C-alpha atoms as a PDB file:
ATOM      1  CA  MET A   1     116.723 128.518  46.254  1.00  0.00           C
ATOM      2  CA  LYS A   2     114.551 129.945  48.675  1.00  0.00           C
ATOM      3  CA  GLN A   3     116.373 130.932  51.975  1.00  0.00           C
ATOM      4  CA  LEU A   4     114.891 129.951  55.246  1.00  0.00           C
ATOM      5  CA  GLN A   5     112.942 132.695  57.031  1.00  0.00           C
ATOM      6  CA  THR A   6     114.124 132.351  60.750  1.00  0.00           C
ATOM      7  CA  ILE A   7     113.435 134.436  63.869  1.00  0.00           C
ATOM      8  CA  SER A   8     115.710 134.222  66.773  1.00  0.00           C
ATOM      9  CA  GLY A   9     114.816 133.059  70.267  1.00  0.00           C
ATOM     10  CA  GLU A  10     115.196 136.566  71.859  1.00  0.00           C
ATOM     11  CA  THR A  11     112.921 138.174  69.299  1.00  0.00           C
ATOM     12  CA  LEU A  12     110.218 135.754  69.445  1.00  0.00           C
ATOM     13  CA  MET A  13     110.028 135.831  73.174  1.00  0.00           C
ATOM     14  CA  SER A  14     109.525 139.655  72.844  1.00  0.00           C
ATOM     15  CA  LYS A  15     106.913 139.543  69.998  1.00  0.00           C
ATOM     16  CA  PRO A  16     103.333 140.102  70.747  1.00  0.00           C
ATOM     17  CA  LEU A  17     101.274 137.070  69.257  1.00  0.00           C
ATOM     18  CA  GLN A  18      97.697 136.227  69.020  1.00  0.00           C
ATOM     19  CA  PRO A  19      96.839 133.352  71.152  1.00  0.00           C
ATOM     20  CA  MET A  20      95.382 130.082  69.965  1.00  0.00           C
ATOM     21  CA  ASN A  21      91.696 130.203  69.353  1.00  0.00           C
ATOM     22  CA  PHE A  22      89.476 127.629  71.048  1.00  0.00           C
ATOM     23  CA  VAL A  23      86.134 126.194  69.948  1.00  0.00           C
ATOM     24  CA  VAL A  24      85.587 124.688  73.276  1.00  0.00           C
ATOM     25  CA  ASP A  25      87.605 126.623  75.842  1.00  0.00           C
ATOM     26  CA  THR A  26      90.712 124.682  77.221  1.00  0.00           C
ATOM     27  CA  LEU A  27      89.614 121.674  75.296  1.00  0.00           C
ATOM     28  CA  LEU A  28      89.116 121.842  71.535  1.00  0.00           C
ATOM     29  CA  SER A  29      91.289 124.529  69.881  1.00  0.00           C
ATOM     30  CA  GLN A  30      91.389 125.338  66.069  1.00  0.00           C
ATOM     31  CA  GLY A  31      93.337 122.506  64.237  1.00  0.00           C
ATOM     32  CA  LEU A  32      92.789 118.671  63.722  1.00  0.00           C
ATOM     33  CA  HIS A  33      91.412 116.461  66.231  1.00  0.00           C
ATOM     34  CA  ILE A  34      90.450 112.929  66.564  1.00  0.00           C
ATOM     35  CA  LEU A  35      87.671 111.234  68.729  1.00  0.00           C
ATOM     36  CA  ALA A  36      87.885 107.479  68.982  1.00  0.00           C
ATOM     37  CA  GLY A  37      85.756 104.970  70.610  1.00  0.00           C
ATOM     38  CA  SER A  38      84.713 101.450  70.291  1.00  0.00           C
ATOM     39  CA  PRO A  39      81.477 100.585  68.125  1.00  0.00           C
ATOM     40  CA  LYS A  40      78.362 101.329  69.887  1.00  0.00           C
ATOM     41  CA  ALA A  41      80.251 103.505  72.592  1.00  0.00           C
ATOM     42  CA  GLY A  42      78.190 106.600  71.983  1.00  0.00           C
ATOM     43  CA  LYS A  43      80.770 108.661  70.155  1.00  0.00           C
ATOM     44  CA  SER A  44      78.288 109.665  67.240  1.00  0.00           C
ATOM     45  CA  TRP A  45      75.812 110.933  69.897  1.00  0.00           C
ATOM     46  CA  LEU A  46      78.670 112.950  71.354  1.00  0.00           C
ATOM     47  CA  ALA A  47      79.705 114.310  68.061  1.00  0.00           C
ATOM     48  CA  LEU A  48      76.033 115.291  67.331  1.00  0.00           C
ATOM     49  CA  TRP A  49      75.553 116.942  70.664  1.00  0.00           C
ATOM     50  CA  LEU A  50      78.861 118.868  70.160  1.00  0.00           C
ATOM     51  CA  ALA A  51      77.868 120.157  66.692  1.00  0.00           C
ATOM     52  CA  VAL A  52      74.579 121.421  67.975  1.00  0.00           C
ATOM     53  CA  THR A  53      75.733 122.954  71.236  1.00  0.00           C
ATOM     54  CA  VAL A  54      78.624 124.781  69.562  1.00  0.00           C
ATOM     55  CA  ALA A  55      76.252 126.156  66.823  1.00  0.00           C
ATOM     56  CA  LYS A  56      73.775 127.416  69.669  1.00  0.00           C
ATOM     57  CA  GLY A  57      76.805 128.930  71.582  1.00  0.00           C
ATOM     58  CA  GLU A  58      75.931 127.106  74.697  1.00  0.00           C
ATOM     59  CA  THR A  59      78.547 125.823  77.081  1.00  0.00           C
ATOM     60  CA  VAL A  60      80.058 122.193  76.728  1.00  0.00           C
ATOM     61  CA  TRP A  61      80.507 120.733  80.159  1.00  0.00           C
ATOM     62  CA  LYS A  62      80.651 124.184  81.816  1.00  0.00           C
ATOM     63  CA  MET A  63      83.249 125.353  79.227  1.00  0.00           C
ATOM     64  CA  PRO A  64      82.474 128.423  77.035  1.00  0.00           C
ATOM     65  CA  VAL A  65      82.444 127.899  73.257  1.00  0.00           C
ATOM     66  CA  LYS A  66      83.105 130.093  70.226  1.00  0.00           C
ATOM     67  CA  GLN A  67      79.608 129.971  68.592  1.00  0.00           C
ATOM     68  CA  GLY A  68      79.625 129.782  64.680  1.00  0.00           C
ATOM     69  CA  THR A  69      78.431 127.587  61.987  1.00  0.00           C
ATOM     70  CA  THR A  70      79.168 123.857  62.189  1.00  0.00           C
ATOM     71  CA  LEU A  71      79.172 120.958  59.755  1.00  0.00           C
ATOM     72  CA  TYR A  72      78.448 117.588  60.711  1.00  0.00           C
ATOM     73  CA  LEU A  73      79.444 114.963  57.899  1.00  0.00           C
ATOM     74  CA  CYS A  74      77.322 111.773  59.058  1.00  0.00           C
ATOM     75  CA  LEU A  75      78.371 109.434  56.557  1.00  0.00           C
ATOM     76  CA  GLU A  76      77.285 106.271  58.185  1.00  0.00           C
ATOM     77  CA  ASP A  77      73.810 107.616  58.868  1.00  0.00           C
ATOM     78  CA  SER A  78      70.743 108.690  56.890  1.00  0.00           C
ATOM     79  CA  GLN A  79      68.692 111.949  57.319  1.00  0.00           C
ATOM     80  CA  PHE A  80      65.964 109.887  58.893  1.00  0.00           C
ATOM     81  CA  ARG A  81      68.376 108.590  61.680  1.00  0.00           C
ATOM     82  CA  ILE A  82      69.812 112.149  62.389  1.00  0.00           C
ATOM     83  CA  GLN A  83      66.352 113.695  62.679  1.00  0.00           C
ATOM     84  CA  ASN A  84      65.442 111.092  65.271  1.00  0.00           C
ATOM     85  CA  ARG A  85      68.508 111.739  67.229  1.00  0.00           C
ATOM     86  CA  LEU A  86      68.099 115.651  66.836  1.00  0.00           C
ATOM     87  CA  PHE A  87      64.484 115.148  68.385  1.00  0.00           C
ATOM     88  CA  GLU A  88      66.235 113.298  71.525  1.00  0.00           C
ATOM     89  CA  ILE A  89      69.141 115.603  72.131  1.00  0.00           C
ATOM     90  CA  THR A  90      67.394 119.052  71.530  1.00  0.00           C
ATOM     91  CA  ASP A  91      64.048 121.007  71.571  1.00  0.00           C
ATOM     92  CA  ASP A  92      65.029 123.005  68.540  1.00  0.00           C
ATOM     93  CA  ALA A  93      68.230 122.571  66.270  1.00  0.00           C
ATOM     94  CA  PRO A  94      69.476 125.966  65.008  1.00  0.00           C
ATOM     95  CA  ALA A  95      69.811 126.906  61.455  1.00  0.00           C
ATOM     96  CA  ASN A  96      73.699 127.199  61.499  1.00  0.00           C
ATOM     97  CA  VAL A  97      74.166 123.534  62.185  1.00  0.00           C
ATOM     98  CA  HIS A  98      74.465 121.699  58.927  1.00  0.00           C
ATOM     99  CA  PHE A  99      74.551 117.887  58.259  1.00  0.00           C
ATOM    100  CA  CYS A 100      75.740 115.931  55.101  1.00  0.00           C
ATOM    101  CA  THR A 101      75.339 112.181  54.726  1.00  0.00           C
ATOM    102  CA  GLU A 102      77.313 111.913  51.362  1.00  0.00           C
ATOM    103  CA  CYS A 103      80.735 113.456  50.180  1.00  0.00           C
ATOM    104  CA  ASN A 104      83.682 113.052  48.230  1.00  0.00           C
ATOM    105  CA  THR A 105      86.757 111.347  49.533  1.00  0.00           C
ATOM    106  CA  LEU A 106      90.154 112.812  50.093  1.00  0.00           C
ATOM    107  CA  GLY A 107      92.098 113.238  47.016  1.00  0.00           C
ATOM    108  CA  HIS A 108      88.853 113.230  44.829  1.00  0.00           C
ATOM    109  CA  GLY A 109      87.196 116.471  45.571  1.00  0.00           C
ATOM    110  CA  LEU A 110      86.522 116.443  49.372  1.00  0.00           C
ATOM    111  CA  GLU A 111      89.109 119.182  49.976  1.00  0.00           C
ATOM    112  CA  GLU A 112      87.427 121.477  47.370  1.00  0.00           C
ATOM    113  CA  GLN A 113      84.082 120.689  49.071  1.00  0.00           C
ATOM    114  CA  LEU A 114      85.227 121.745  52.418  1.00  0.00           C
ATOM    115  CA  ASP A 115      86.887 124.909  51.054  1.00  0.00           C
ATOM    116  CA  ARG A 116      83.619 125.778  49.362  1.00  0.00           C
ATOM    117  CA  PHE A 117      81.464 125.396  52.443  1.00  0.00           C
ATOM    118  CA  VAL A 118      83.735 127.333  54.631  1.00  0.00           C
ATOM    119  CA  SER A 119      83.815 130.128  51.996  1.00  0.00           C
ATOM    120  CA  THR A 120      79.781 129.900  51.865  1.00  0.00           C
ATOM    121  CA  TYR A 121      79.688 130.186  55.658  1.00  0.00           C
ATOM    122  CA  PRO A 122      82.762 132.175  56.832  1.00  0.00           C
ATOM    123  CA  ASP A 123      81.805 132.082  60.455  1.00  0.00           C
ATOM    124  CA  THR A 124      82.350 128.197  60.457  1.00  0.00           C
ATOM    125  CA  VAL A 125      84.250 127.137  63.696  1.00  0.00           C
ATOM    126  CA  LEU A 126      83.840 123.349  63.517  1.00  0.00           C
ATOM    127  CA  VAL A 127      83.533 120.437  61.071  1.00  0.00           C
ATOM    128  CA  ILE A 128      82.867 116.832  62.276  1.00  0.00           C
ATOM    129  CA  ILE A 129      83.794 113.948  60.020  1.00  0.00           C
ATOM    130  CA  ASP A 130      82.036 110.675  61.083  1.00  0.00           C
ATOM    131  CA  THR A 131      83.970 108.483  60.372  1.00  0.00           C
ATOM    132  CA  LEU A 132      87.591 108.971  59.196  1.00  0.00           C
ATOM    133  CA  GLN A 133      87.467 105.701  57.113  1.00  0.00           C
ATOM    134  CA  MET A 134      84.564 106.944  54.958  1.00  0.00           C
ATOM    135  CA  ILE A 135      86.595 109.739  53.503  1.00  0.00           C
ATOM    136  CA  ARG A 136      89.432 107.719  52.541  1.00  0.00           C
ATOM    137  CA  CYS A 137      90.063 105.825  49.449  1.00  0.00           C
ATOM    138  CA  SER A 138      89.798 102.074  49.650  1.00  0.00           C
ATOM    139  CA  ASN A 139      92.613 101.287  47.074  1.00  0.00           C
ATOM    140  CA  TYR A 140      95.725 101.485  49.229  1.00  0.00           C
ATOM    141  CA  ASP A 141      96.951 100.238  52.433  1.00  0.00           C
ATOM    142  CA  CYS A 142      96.949 102.135  55.656  1.00  0.00           C
ATOM    143  CA  THR A 143     100.583 102.404  55.952  1.00  0.00           C
ATOM    144  CA  TYR A 144     102.238 105.233  58.050  1.00  0.00           C
ATOM    145  CA  ALA A 145     103.006 107.301  54.930  1.00  0.00           C
ATOM    146  CA  ASN A 146      99.217 107.092  53.823  1.00  0.00           C
ATOM    147  CA  ASP A 147      97.973 107.842  57.268  1.00  0.00           C
ATOM    148  CA  TYR A 148     100.174 110.782  57.684  1.00  0.00           C
ATOM    149  CA  ARG A 149      99.509 112.073  54.284  1.00  0.00           C
ATOM    150  CA  ASP A 150      95.728 111.989  54.600  1.00  0.00           C
ATOM    151  CA  LEU A 151      95.564 113.705  57.941  1.00  0.00           C
ATOM    152  CA  SER A 152      98.160 116.370  56.819  1.00  0.00           C
ATOM    153  CA  VAL A 153      95.803 117.234  54.206  1.00  0.00           C
ATOM    154  CA  LEU A 154      92.987 117.738  56.526  1.00  0.00           C
ATOM    155  CA  LYS A 155      95.088 119.585  59.110  1.00  0.00           C
ATOM    156  CA  LYS A 156      96.159 121.989  56.389  1.00  0.00           C
ATOM    157  CA  ILE A 157      92.494 122.857  55.679  1.00  0.00           C
ATOM    158  CA  ALA A 158      91.853 123.327  59.474  1.00  0.00           C
ATOM    159  CA  ASP A 159      94.750 125.806  59.863  1.00  0.00           C
ATOM    160  CA  GLU A 160      94.180 127.690  56.738  1.00  0.00           C
ATOM    161  CA  HIS A 161      90.563 128.390  57.636  1.00  0.00           C
ATOM    162  CA  GLN A 162      91.331 128.627  61.561  1.00  0.00           C
ATOM    163  CA  ILE A 163      88.691 126.157  62.279  1.00  0.00           C
ATOM    164  CA  ALA A 164      88.448 122.839  64.223  1.00  0.00           C
ATOM    165  CA  ILE A 165      88.189 119.588  62.314  1.00  0.00           C
ATOM    166  CA  LEU A 166      87.122 116.571  64.551  1.00  0.00           C
ATOM    167  CA  LEU A 167      87.601 113.116  63.089  1.00  0.00           C
ATOM    168  CA  VAL A 168      85.478 110.192  64.571  1.00  0.00           C
ATOM    169  CA  HIS A 169      87.390 107.092  64.487  1.00  0.00           C
ATOM    170  CA  HIS A 170      87.522 103.497  66.068  1.00  0.00           C
ATOM    171  CA  LEU A 171      89.576 101.884  68.711  1.00  0.00           C
ATOM    172  CA  ARG A 172      91.473  98.526  68.172  1.00  0.00           C
ATOM    173  CA  LYS A 173      90.010  95.508  69.936  1.00  0.00           C
ATOM    174  CA  GLU A 174      93.322  94.702  71.460  1.00  0.00           C
ATOM    175  CA  PRO A 175      93.628  96.148  75.164  1.00  0.00           C
ATOM    176  CA  SER A 176      96.533  98.498  75.963  1.00  0.00           C
ATOM    177  CA  ASP A 177      97.550 100.239  79.162  1.00  0.00           C
ATOM    178  CA  ASN A 178      97.741 103.414  77.265  1.00  0.00           C
ATOM    179  CA  VAL A 179      94.356 104.157  75.963  1.00  0.00           C
ATOM    180  CA  PHE A 180      95.725 106.353  73.141  1.00  0.00           C
ATOM    181  CA  ASN A 181      97.657 103.249  71.709  1.00  0.00           C
ATOM    182  CA  ARG A 182      94.339 101.750  70.972  1.00  0.00           C
ATOM    183  CA  ILE A 183      93.438 104.414  68.163  1.00  0.00           C
ATOM    184  CA  SER A 184      93.196 102.196  65.046  1.00  0.00           C
ATOM    185  CA  GLY A 185      95.599 102.794  62.317  1.00  0.00           C
ATOM    186  CA  THR A 186      99.512 103.516  62.445  1.00  0.00           C
ATOM    187  CA  THR A 187     101.108 106.013  65.093  1.00  0.00           C
ATOM    188  CA  ALA A 188     100.795 108.569  62.186  1.00  0.00           C
ATOM    189  CA  ILE A 189      97.264 109.218  63.153  1.00  0.00           C
ATOM    190  CA  SER A 190      98.162 110.291  66.777  1.00  0.00           C
ATOM    191  CA  GLY A 191     101.212 112.236  65.455  1.00  0.00           C
ATOM    192  CA  ALA A 192      99.350 114.224  62.777  1.00  0.00           C
ATOM    193  CA  VAL A 193      96.470 115.498  64.822  1.00  0.00           C
ATOM    194  CA  ASP A 194      96.648 118.305  67.407  1.00  0.00           C
ATOM    195  CA  SER A 195      94.592 116.461  70.112  1.00  0.00           C
ATOM    196  CA  SER A 196      93.267 112.837  70.533  1.00  0.00           C
ATOM    197  CA  PHE A 197      90.206 112.059  72.723  1.00  0.00           C
ATOM    198  CA  THR A 198      89.273 108.459  73.437  1.00  0.00           C
ATOM    199  CA  LEU A 199      85.869 107.444  74.710  1.00  0.00           C
ATOM    200  CA  ILE A 200      86.156 104.445  76.812  1.00  0.00           C
ATOM    201  CA  ASN A 201      82.874 102.886  78.346  1.00  0.00           C
ATOM    202  CA  SER A 202      82.759 101.801  81.843  1.00  0.00           C
ATOM    203  CA  SER A 203      82.781  97.916  82.379  1.00  0.00           C
ATOM    204  CA  HIS A 204      79.893  98.329  84.897  1.00  0.00           C
ATOM    205  CA  SER A 205      77.493 100.332  82.684  1.00  0.00           C
ATOM    206  CA  SER A 206      77.365 101.378  78.904  1.00  0.00           C
ATOM    207  CA  ASN A 207      75.865 104.508  79.902  1.00  0.00           C
ATOM    208  CA  ARG A 208      79.069 105.568  81.784  1.00  0.00           C
ATOM    209  CA  ALA A 209      82.469 106.324  80.114  1.00  0.00           C
ATOM    210  CA  LYS A 210      85.555 108.311  80.434  1.00  0.00           C
ATOM    211  CA  LEU A 211      86.873 110.788  77.790  1.00  0.00           C
ATOM    212  CA  PHE A 212      90.670 110.660  77.922  1.00  0.00           C
ATOM    213  CA  CYS A 213      92.123 113.934  76.370  1.00  0.00           C
ATOM    214  CA  ILE A 214      95.726 114.728  75.353  1.00  0.00           C
ATOM    215  CA  GLY A 215      97.115 117.353  72.953  1.00  0.00           C
ATOM    216  CA  ARG A 216      99.542 119.901  71.881  1.00  0.00           C
ATOM    217  CA  ASP A 217      97.590 122.824  73.123  1.00  0.00           C
ATOM    218  CA  ILE A 218      95.560 121.379  75.969  1.00  0.00           C
ATOM    219  CA  GLU A 219      96.330 119.787  79.338  1.00  0.00           C
ATOM    220  CA  TYR A 220      95.943 116.208  79.760  1.00  0.00           C
ATOM    221  CA  ARG A 221      92.706 115.423  81.487  1.00  0.00           C
ATOM    222  CA  GLU A 222      89.885 112.818  82.064  1.00  0.00           C
ATOM    223  CA  ILE A 223      86.256 113.490  81.904  1.00  0.00           C
ATOM    224  CA  SER A 224      83.933 111.205  83.412  1.00  0.00           C
ATOM    225  CA  LEU A 225      80.576 111.106  81.486  1.00  0.00           C
ATOM    226  CA  GLU A 226      77.124 109.638  81.847  1.00  0.00           C
ATOM    227  CA  ARG A 227      74.665 109.317  79.177  1.00  0.00           C
ATOM    228  CA  ASN A 228      71.174 110.687  80.092  1.00  0.00           C
ATOM    229  CA  SER A 229      67.767 109.418  79.110  1.00  0.00           C
ATOM    230  CA  ASP A 230      68.244 111.918  75.981  1.00  0.00           C
ATOM    231  CA  ASN A 231      71.470 110.179  75.012  1.00  0.00           C
ATOM    232  CA  VAL A 232      73.309 113.484  76.080  1.00  0.00           C
ATOM    233  CA  TRP A 233      76.756 112.878  77.708  1.00  0.00           C
ATOM    234  CA  GLU A 234      76.755 114.768  80.894  1.00  0.00           C
ATOM    235  CA  MET A 235      79.889 115.520  82.669  1.00  0.00           C
ATOM    236  CA  ILE A 236      80.007 114.198  86.389  1.00  0.00           C
ATOM    237  CA  ALA A 237      83.832 114.608  87.106  1.00  0.00           C
ATOM    238  CA  ASP A 238      86.724 116.556  85.484  1.00  0.00           C
ATOM    239  CA  SER A 239      90.349 115.902  86.524  1.00  0.00           C
ATOM    240  CA  TYR A 240      91.160 119.435  85.234  1.00  0.00           C
ATOM    241  CA  ASP A 241      89.893 122.003  87.664  1.00  0.00           C
ATOM    242  CA  GLN A 242      88.608 124.995  85.590  1.00  0.00           C
ATOM    243  CA  GLY A 243      88.524 127.143  88.717  1.00  0.00           C
ATOM    244  CA  GLU A 244      92.249 126.856  89.388  1.00  0.00           C
ATOM    245  CA  GLN A 245      93.448 128.110  86.098  1.00  0.00           C
ATOM    246  CA  ARG A 246      96.474 130.343  87.106  1.00  0.00           C
ATOM    247  CA  ASP A 247      96.822 132.227  83.784  1.00  0.00           C
ATOM    248  CA  SER A 248      93.231 133.720  83.997  1.00  0.00           C
ATOM    249  CA  LYS A 249      94.213 134.979  87.483  1.00  0.00           C
ATOM    250  CA  ILE A 250      97.063 137.320  86.167  1.00  0.00           C
ATOM    251  CA  ILE A 251      94.642 139.497  84.172  1.00  0.00           C
ATOM    252  CA  PHE A 252      92.767 140.359  87.372  1.00  0.00           C
ATOM    253  CA  LEU A 253      95.825 140.871  89.486  1.00  0.00           C
ATOM    254  CA  LEU A 254      97.403 143.215  86.617  1.00  0.00           C
ATOM    255  CA  SER A 255      94.111 145.002  86.625  1.00  0.00           C
ATOM    256  CA  ALA A 256      94.189 145.537  90.378  1.00  0.00           C
ATOM    257  CA  LEU A 257      97.768 146.538  90.324  1.00  0.00           C
ATOM    258  CA  LEU A 258      97.124 149.373  87.687  1.00  0.00           C
ATOM    259  CA  LYS A 259      94.266 150.648  89.839  1.00  0.00           C
ATOM    260  CA  SER A 260      96.742 151.168  92.589  1.00  0.00           C
ATOM    261  CA  THR A 261      99.481 152.609  90.535  1.00  0.00           C
ATOM    262  CA  PRO A 262      98.954 153.979  86.955  1.00  0.00           C
ATOM    263  CA  ASP A 263     102.370 152.664  85.672  1.00  0.00           C
ATOM    264  CA  PHE A 264     104.846 149.988  86.059  1.00  0.00           C
ATOM    265  CA  THR A 265     108.099 149.270  84.666  1.00  0.00           C
ATOM    266  CA  GLY A 266     110.281 146.296  85.513  1.00  0.00           C
ATOM    267  CA  THR A 267     111.299 142.807  84.694  1.00  0.00           C
ATOM    268  CA  PRO A 268     108.908 139.721  84.558  1.00  0.00           C
ATOM    269  CA  THR A 269     110.274 138.718  88.058  1.00  0.00           C
ATOM    270  CA  GLU A 270     109.647 142.081  89.453  1.00  0.00           C
ATOM    271  CA  LEU A 271     106.193 142.079  88.223  1.00  0.00           C
ATOM    272  CA  SER A 272     105.289 138.590  89.295  1.00  0.00           C
ATOM    273  CA  ASN A 273     106.643 139.586  92.804  1.00  0.00           C
ATOM    274  CA  ARG A 274     104.347 142.468  92.958  1.00  0.00           C
ATOM    275  CA  ILE A 275     101.103 140.850  91.787  1.00  0.00           C
ATOM    276  CA  ASP A 276     101.827 137.694  93.790  1.00  0.00           C
ATOM    277  CA  PRO A 277     104.294 138.548  96.583  1.00  0.00           C
ATOM    278  CA  VAL A 278     103.910 135.321  98.556  1.00  0.00           C
ATOM    279  CA  GLY A 279     103.524 132.896  95.649  1.00  0.00           C
ATOM    280  CA  THR A 280      99.948 131.683  96.728  1.00  0.00           C
ATOM    281  CA  ALA A 281      98.608 132.026  93.264  1.00  0.00           C
ATOM    282  CA  GLY A 282     101.731 130.297  91.638  1.00  0.00           C
ATOM    283  CA  ILE A 283     102.425 132.879  89.068  1.00  0.00           C
ATOM    284  CA  THR A 284     105.722 132.892  87.609  1.00  0.00           C
ATOM    285  CA  PRO A 285     107.803 135.381  85.531  1.00  0.00           C
ATOM    286  CA  LYS A 286     107.528 133.302  82.572  1.00  0.00           C
ATOM    287  CA  LYS A 287     103.567 133.038  82.948  1.00  0.00           C
ATOM    288  CA  VAL A 288     103.519 136.813  83.504  1.00  0.00           C
ATOM    289  CA  ALA A 289     105.700 137.453  80.197  1.00  0.00           C
ATOM    290  CA  ARG A 290     103.611 135.089  78.082  1.00  0.00           C
ATOM    291  CA  GLN A 291     100.281 136.026  79.108  1.00  0.00           C
ATOM    292  CA  ILE A 292     101.075 139.848  78.466  1.00  0.00           C
ATOM    293  CA  LEU A 293     102.743 139.157  75.126  1.00  0.00           C
ATOM    294  CA  GLN A 294      99.771 137.006  73.761  1.00  0.00           C
ATOM    295  CA  ASN A 295      97.134 139.415  75.085  1.00  0.00           C
ATOM    296  CA  VAL A 296      98.194 142.925  74.296  1.00  0.00           C
ATOM    297  CA  ASP A 297      95.013 143.797  72.607  1.00  0.00           C
ATOM    298  CA  ALA A 298      92.836 142.335  75.100  1.00  0.00           C
ATOM    299  CA  LEU A 299      94.644 144.078  77.883  1.00  0.00           C
ATOM    300  CA  ARG A 300      94.099 147.442  76.123  1.00  0.00           C
ATOM    301  CA  GLU A 301      90.330 146.849  76.031  1.00  0.00           C
ATOM    302  CA  ILE A 302      90.456 146.875  79.730  1.00  0.00           C
ATOM    303  CA  GLY A 303      92.493 149.837  80.211  1.00  0.00           C
ATOM    304  CA  ILE A 304      96.087 148.521  80.254  1.00  0.00           C
ATOM    305  CA  ALA A 305      98.642 149.445  77.769  1.00  0.00           C
ATOM    306  CA  ALA A 306     101.471 147.012  77.661  1.00  0.00           C
ATOM    307  CA  THR A 307     104.788 147.044  75.878  1.00  0.00           C
ATOM    308  CA  THR A 308     108.077 144.793  76.193  1.00  0.00           C
ATOM    309  CA  ARG A 309     111.613 145.813  75.318  1.00  0.00           C
ATOM    310  CA  ARG A 310     115.150 144.661  76.214  1.00  0.00           C
ATOM    311  CA  SER A 311     117.503 146.832  78.553  1.00  0.00           C
ATOM    312  CA  ASN A 312     120.996 145.659  79.303  1.00  0.00           C
ATOM    313  CA  GLY A 313     120.099 142.041  78.373  1.00  0.00           C
ATOM    314  CA  LYS A 314     117.037 141.979  80.542  1.00  0.00           C
ATOM    315  CA  ARG A 315     113.305 141.762  79.441  1.00  0.00           C
ATOM    316  CA  ILE A 316     111.462 144.894  80.546  1.00  0.00           C
ATOM    317  CA  ILE A 317     107.719 145.022  80.698  1.00  0.00           C
ATOM    318  CA  GLU A 318     105.884 148.519  80.829  1.00  0.00           C
ATOM    319  CA  LEU A 319     102.356 148.716  81.786  1.00  0.00           C
ATOM    320  CA  HIS A 320     100.354 152.006  81.666  1.00  0.00           C
ATOM    321  CA  SER A 321      96.744 152.819  82.551  1.00  0.00           C
ATOM    322  CA  VAL A 322      94.707 154.215  79.502  1.00  0.00           C
ATOM    323  CA  GLU A 323      91.155 155.147  79.295  1.00  0.00           C
ATOM    324  CA  SER A 324      90.225 153.153  76.153  1.00  0.00           C
ATOM    325  CA  ALA A 325      91.840 151.244  73.358  1.00  0.00           C
ATOM    326  CA  ASP A 326      91.749 154.153  70.991  1.00  0.00           C
ATOM    327  CA  SER A 327      93.652 156.644  73.334  1.00  0.00           C
ATOM    328  CA  SER A 328      96.488 154.168  73.904  1.00  0.00           C
ATOM    329  CA  GLY A 329      98.353 155.085  70.704  1.00  0.00           C
ATOM    330  CA  LEU A 330      99.757 151.496  70.564  1.00  0.00           C
ATOM    331  CA  PRO A 331      99.892 149.822  67.352  1.00  0.00           C
ATOM    332  CA  THR A 332      97.446 147.137  66.880  1.00  0.00           C
ATOM    333  CA  VAL A 333      98.462 143.603  67.189  1.00  0.00           C
ATOM    334  CA  GLY A 334      95.227 141.904  66.117  1.00  0.00           C
ATOM    335  CA  THR A 335      91.860 140.811  67.385  1.00  0.00           C
ATOM    336  CA  ILE A 336      91.767 138.182  70.242  1.00  0.00           C
ATOM    337  CA  ASP A 337      88.588 136.280  70.044  1.00  0.00           C
ATOM    338  CA  PRO A 338      86.841 136.225  73.567  1.00  0.00           C
ATOM    339  CA  VAL A 339      86.750 132.450  74.163  1.00  0.00           C
ATOM    340  CA  GLY A 340      88.458 131.826  77.295  1.00  0.00           C
ATOM    341  CA  THR A 341      85.356 133.376  79.304  1.00  0.00           C
ATOM    342  CA  ASP A 342      85.173 133.249  82.931  1.00  0.00           C
ATOM    343  CA  ALA A 343      82.368 134.058  85.133  1.00  0.00           C
ATOM    344  CA  GLN A 344      84.259 136.644  87.049  1.00  0.00           C
ATOM    345  CA  ILE A 345      85.093 138.254  83.773  1.00  0.00           C
ATOM    346  CA  ALA A 346      81.540 138.542  82.699  1.00  0.00           C
ATOM    347  CA  HIS A 347      80.548 139.870  86.114  1.00  0.00           C
ATOM    348  CA  ARG A 348      83.233 142.665  86.095  1.00  0.00           C
ATOM    349  CA  GLY A 349      82.363 143.629  82.536  1.00  0.00           C
ATOM    350  CA  ILE A 350      86.090 142.729  81.428  1.00  0.00           C
ATOM    351  CA  GLU A 351      86.740 141.497  77.873  1.00  0.00           C
ATOM    352  CA  PRO A 352      87.265 137.708  78.380  1.00  0.00           C
ATOM    353  CA  LEU A 353      90.779 136.449  77.297  1.00  0.00           C
ATOM    354  CA  CYS A 354      91.847 132.954  75.560  1.00  0.00           C
ATOM    355  CA  ALA A 355      93.093 130.433  78.144  1.00  0.00           C
ATOM    356  CA  ILE A 356      96.595 129.620  77.515  1.00  0.00           C
END
């Protein structure tokens, strides 16, 4: 019998790890996600715009993206309809956004088709399936077990290829105080995905809606949208203030600290007190330790060599100024994708980091 491979909490909290990759910074990470909305709510317009925007490498509602190949399985549309919609939302669709109006179903070849596409286009970052129901077999009931099984298959594909798969789905007609409870199907659908997004139209205007967002790797947020004359959903308000991300501030403060002193050795508490002595930035010892552990390579790129160790039962962080990544002499942890970009980072010429 195969033995369980475990890791202690002490070891895990001292192990440098690569942070989660985001296709849309702070909003859409690698993994499986669902976008649900009522019929004619505009979710397919949103999905199409997202596929094109990510392929172009343009920002999504001021959020940076990880540019790459995108695939849109528009299974309820024709090429003629998609062509018409493309001419509305963009002047020129890039070559790295692909469309498909027919595919196999789950358990009958879809998995192999997706694997083959990603193998052909290894820079794939996003696959959109519109709609979930179109790739499911019609010969069984939508029970909890069936819902969880189908979505687990798709999540496995997303995780293996480190891409985002977004499923377009429907809402129930029955109202609910919790908008996520309106997602059609059993609770297994919400439980199996990494993030859920619900698009709820305003009762006053069909061109206004709110996107409710919740997930394992993102903070809860509500994004108010308005669809313009080109059928593009534009953001008019966001409950999550991008400018107040505390984790990204840590990097700037660490850089400033190492400019004044070339070395630091101390506990996370001592380090947080050094870079945020009066607590105005809200930087805690836990945030400092996590940010350093998950961005060792990226810190080295901006001239900071970081190591962690334990001494007398305490976690110790060591920071040293280095001229370049090649001169640090530290082992490579892995490449960190520059997704969590910030205007300040670009301005200062600092390698951008993933938001945590």
